[in-house]
């Protein structure tokens, strides 16, 4: 039996850099280039963001993070939390890790006062699109570095607190 653990780390943690290198290779295979979006590790430091790594028996196998965005000329809105670097290594896919990370990131962004989670992905990542749509994300106007690219797809989901259950009775 393996031990799965999800840890908060910095975006520039050595394990995060290793997994980022792997996702960049996958982007290059799918699109011909890595992701050129500018990112600063400090953008993922709480409370402005969060970066998570999932470990399987101590081996880093998945990442995901969010960073705060506000209205700007790249098409973001006030209160946005931008999802970045969602990635699961091929050998760990199909076990629900991306869905677990996504839920934790949404909860964190909501607690930090963010109003909606937004993300950009591409048409050559149908499994990512499927995950987001099945998690309640809907197509959104394009934003970010790739907003003018034909293959770019943007999605958004309002961040709302779960309903409070109330005891039944008169």
Protein backbone atom coordinates (compact mmCIF):
# COMPACT_ATOMS: atom_id res chain seq x y z
CA UNK A 1 0.00 0.00 0.00
CA UNK A 2 1.35 3.40 -0.94
CA UNK A 3 1.17 6.49 1.23
CA UNK A 4 -0.18 9.54 -0.61
CA UNK A 5 0.61 12.91 0.92
CA UNK A 6 -0.15 16.42 -0.34
CA UNK A 7 2.18 19.13 0.91
CA UNK A 8 2.21 22.91 0.59
CA UNK A 9 5.54 23.93 -0.94
CA UNK A 10 7.10 26.88 -2.67
CA UNK A 11 6.84 27.14 -6.43
CA UNK A 12 10.63 27.07 -6.64
CA UNK A 13 11.06 24.00 -4.39
CA UNK A 14 13.41 21.45 -6.05
CA UNK A 15 10.58 18.90 -6.43
CA UNK A 16 8.34 21.58 -7.96
CA UNK A 17 11.11 22.48 -10.42
CA UNK A 18 11.53 18.81 -11.40
CA UNK A 19 7.81 18.40 -12.07
CA UNK A 20 7.65 21.76 -13.85
CA UNK A 21 10.43 20.56 -16.16
CA UNK A 22 8.35 17.45 -16.93
CA UNK A 23 5.18 19.42 -17.67
CA UNK A 24 7.15 21.81 -19.88
CA UNK A 25 8.40 18.82 -21.89
CA UNK A 26 4.81 17.61 -22.24
CA UNK A 27 3.71 21.06 -23.45
CA UNK A 28 6.54 21.02 -25.98
CA UNK A 29 5.48 17.56 -27.21
CA UNK A 30 1.84 18.60 -27.56
CA UNK A 31 2.22 22.18 -28.82
CA UNK A 32 5.79 22.47 -30.09
CA UNK A 33 6.88 24.88 -27.33
CA UNK A 34 6.93 25.08 -23.53
CA UNK A 35 4.58 27.46 -21.69
CA UNK A 36 6.05 30.97 -21.87
CA UNK A 37 3.74 32.49 -19.24
CA UNK A 38 5.81 34.57 -16.81
CA UNK A 39 5.60 33.35 -13.25
CA UNK A 40 7.35 34.42 -10.09
CA UNK A 41 7.61 31.95 -7.21
CA UNK A 42 6.46 34.65 -4.78
CA UNK A 43 3.08 34.79 -6.57
CA UNK A 44 2.28 31.37 -5.07
CA UNK A 45 3.17 32.29 -1.48
CA UNK A 46 0.15 32.41 0.85
CA UNK A 47 -2.03 34.40 1.13
CA UNK A 48 -1.49 35.56 -2.48
CA UNK A 49 -1.49 32.01 -3.77
CA UNK A 50 -0.66 28.43 -2.96
CA UNK A 51 1.41 25.65 -4.50
CA UNK A 52 0.88 21.97 -3.71
CA UNK A 53 2.85 18.80 -4.49
CA UNK A 54 1.41 15.31 -4.15
CA UNK A 55 3.86 12.63 -3.05
CA UNK A 56 3.42 8.89 -3.48
CA UNK A 57 5.66 7.11 -0.95
CA UNK A 58 7.87 10.21 -0.88
CA UNK A 59 8.10 10.53 -4.69
CA UNK A 60 6.68 13.77 -6.15
CA UNK A 61 3.96 12.83 -8.66
CA UNK A 62 1.64 15.83 -9.08
CA UNK A 63 1.50 19.61 -8.72
CA UNK A 64 -0.98 22.41 -8.80
CA UNK A 65 -1.16 25.98 -7.68
CA UNK A 66 -3.07 29.22 -7.82
CA UNK A 67 -2.02 32.84 -7.83
CA UNK A 68 -4.05 35.98 -7.19
CA UNK A 69 -5.08 38.09 -10.15
CA UNK A 70 -6.91 41.39 -10.38
CA UNK A 71 -8.41 43.26 -13.33
CA UNK A 72 -5.68 44.05 -15.84
CA UNK A 73 -4.97 44.38 -19.55
CA UNK A 74 -4.60 40.59 -19.94
CA UNK A 75 -8.32 40.07 -19.27
CA UNK A 76 -8.40 39.03 -15.62
CA UNK A 77 -11.11 40.27 -13.24
CA UNK A 78 -10.88 41.52 -9.68
CA UNK A 79 -10.98 38.59 -7.28
CA UNK A 80 -9.61 35.97 -9.68
CA UNK A 81 -7.46 33.05 -8.56
CA UNK A 82 -5.57 31.68 -11.56
CA UNK A 83 -4.95 27.95 -11.60
CA UNK A 84 -1.42 27.08 -12.79
CA UNK A 85 0.77 24.05 -13.28
CA UNK A 86 -1.81 21.34 -12.72
CA UNK A 87 0.19 18.26 -13.64
CA UNK A 88 0.22 14.57 -12.83
CA UNK A 89 3.10 12.38 -14.04
CA UNK A 90 1.87 9.80 -16.58
CA UNK A 91 2.59 6.86 -14.27
CA UNK A 92 0.28 8.30 -11.56
CA UNK A 93 -2.66 9.33 -13.75
CA UNK A 94 -6.12 7.87 -13.33
CA UNK A 95 -6.05 7.84 -9.52
CA UNK A 96 -7.96 11.07 -8.88
CA UNK A 97 -4.91 13.15 -7.89
CA UNK A 98 -5.73 16.10 -10.14
CA UNK A 99 -9.29 16.21 -8.80
CA UNK A 100 -8.01 16.13 -5.18
CA UNK A 101 -5.49 18.90 -5.85
CA UNK A 102 -8.11 20.98 -7.66
CA UNK A 103 -10.53 20.74 -4.71
CA UNK A 104 -7.80 21.75 -2.22
CA UNK A 105 -6.75 24.68 -4.39
CA UNK A 106 -10.35 25.89 -4.76
CA UNK A 107 -10.87 25.69 -0.97
CA UNK A 108 -7.65 27.62 -0.35
CA UNK A 109 -8.53 30.35 -2.85
CA UNK A 110 -12.00 30.73 -1.34
CA UNK A 111 -10.51 31.04 2.17
CA UNK A 112 -8.15 33.70 0.79
CA UNK A 113 -11.14 35.74 -0.38
CA UNK A 114 -10.91 34.98 -4.07
CA UNK A 115 -14.20 35.11 -6.00
CA UNK A 116 -13.58 32.73 -8.87
CA UNK A 117 -10.99 30.26 -10.12
CA UNK A 118 -9.86 30.79 -13.71
CA UNK A 119 -7.60 28.73 -15.91
CA UNK A 120 -6.20 28.53 -19.41
CA UNK A 121 -5.51 25.25 -21.15
CA UNK A 122 -5.33 24.12 -24.74
CA UNK A 123 -7.19 21.99 -27.24
CA UNK A 124 -4.37 19.42 -27.21
CA UNK A 125 -5.11 18.67 -23.54
CA UNK A 126 -8.56 17.06 -23.76
CA UNK A 127 -8.11 15.23 -20.46
CA UNK A 128 -7.55 18.55 -18.68
CA UNK A 129 -10.62 20.09 -20.32
CA UNK A 130 -12.67 17.05 -19.28
CA UNK A 131 -11.49 17.36 -15.66
CA UNK A 132 -12.37 21.04 -15.49
CA UNK A 133 -15.78 20.73 -17.16
CA UNK A 134 -16.70 17.77 -14.91
CA UNK A 135 -15.63 19.89 -11.91
CA UNK A 136 -18.03 22.72 -12.74
CA UNK A 137 -15.88 24.99 -14.88
CA UNK A 138 -17.49 26.77 -17.82
CA UNK A 139 -15.94 28.45 -20.87
CA UNK A 140 -14.84 32.01 -20.15
CA UNK A 141 -13.60 34.95 -22.23
CA UNK A 142 -9.94 34.46 -23.00
CA UNK A 143 -7.31 35.99 -20.73
CA UNK A 144 -3.60 35.70 -20.01
CA UNK A 145 -0.52 35.21 -22.13
CA UNK A 146 -2.19 32.91 -24.68
CA UNK A 147 -5.47 34.85 -25.03
CA UNK A 148 -4.92 35.42 -28.76
CA UNK A 149 -3.95 31.83 -29.57
CA UNK A 150 -6.47 29.71 -31.52
CA UNK A 151 -5.75 26.57 -29.47
CA UNK A 152 -6.22 28.36 -26.14
CA UNK A 153 -9.31 27.65 -24.03
CA UNK A 154 -10.19 29.51 -20.85
CA UNK A 155 -12.54 28.37 -18.10
CA UNK A 156 -13.90 29.82 -14.87
CA UNK A 157 -15.77 28.65 -11.80
CA UNK A 158 -17.29 30.82 -9.06
CA UNK A 159 -15.82 30.04 -5.66
CA UNK A 160 -18.62 29.61 -3.16
CA UNK A 161 -18.74 28.23 0.35
CA UNK A 162 -20.36 24.79 0.63
CA UNK A 163 -23.93 24.91 1.94
CA UNK A 164 -24.31 24.66 5.68
CA UNK A 165 -26.36 21.64 6.67
CA UNK A 166 -29.09 22.39 9.14
CA UNK A 167 -30.77 19.87 11.39
CA UNK A 168 -34.23 18.84 10.27
CA UNK A 169 -37.13 19.74 12.46
CA UNK A 170 -39.75 22.33 13.27
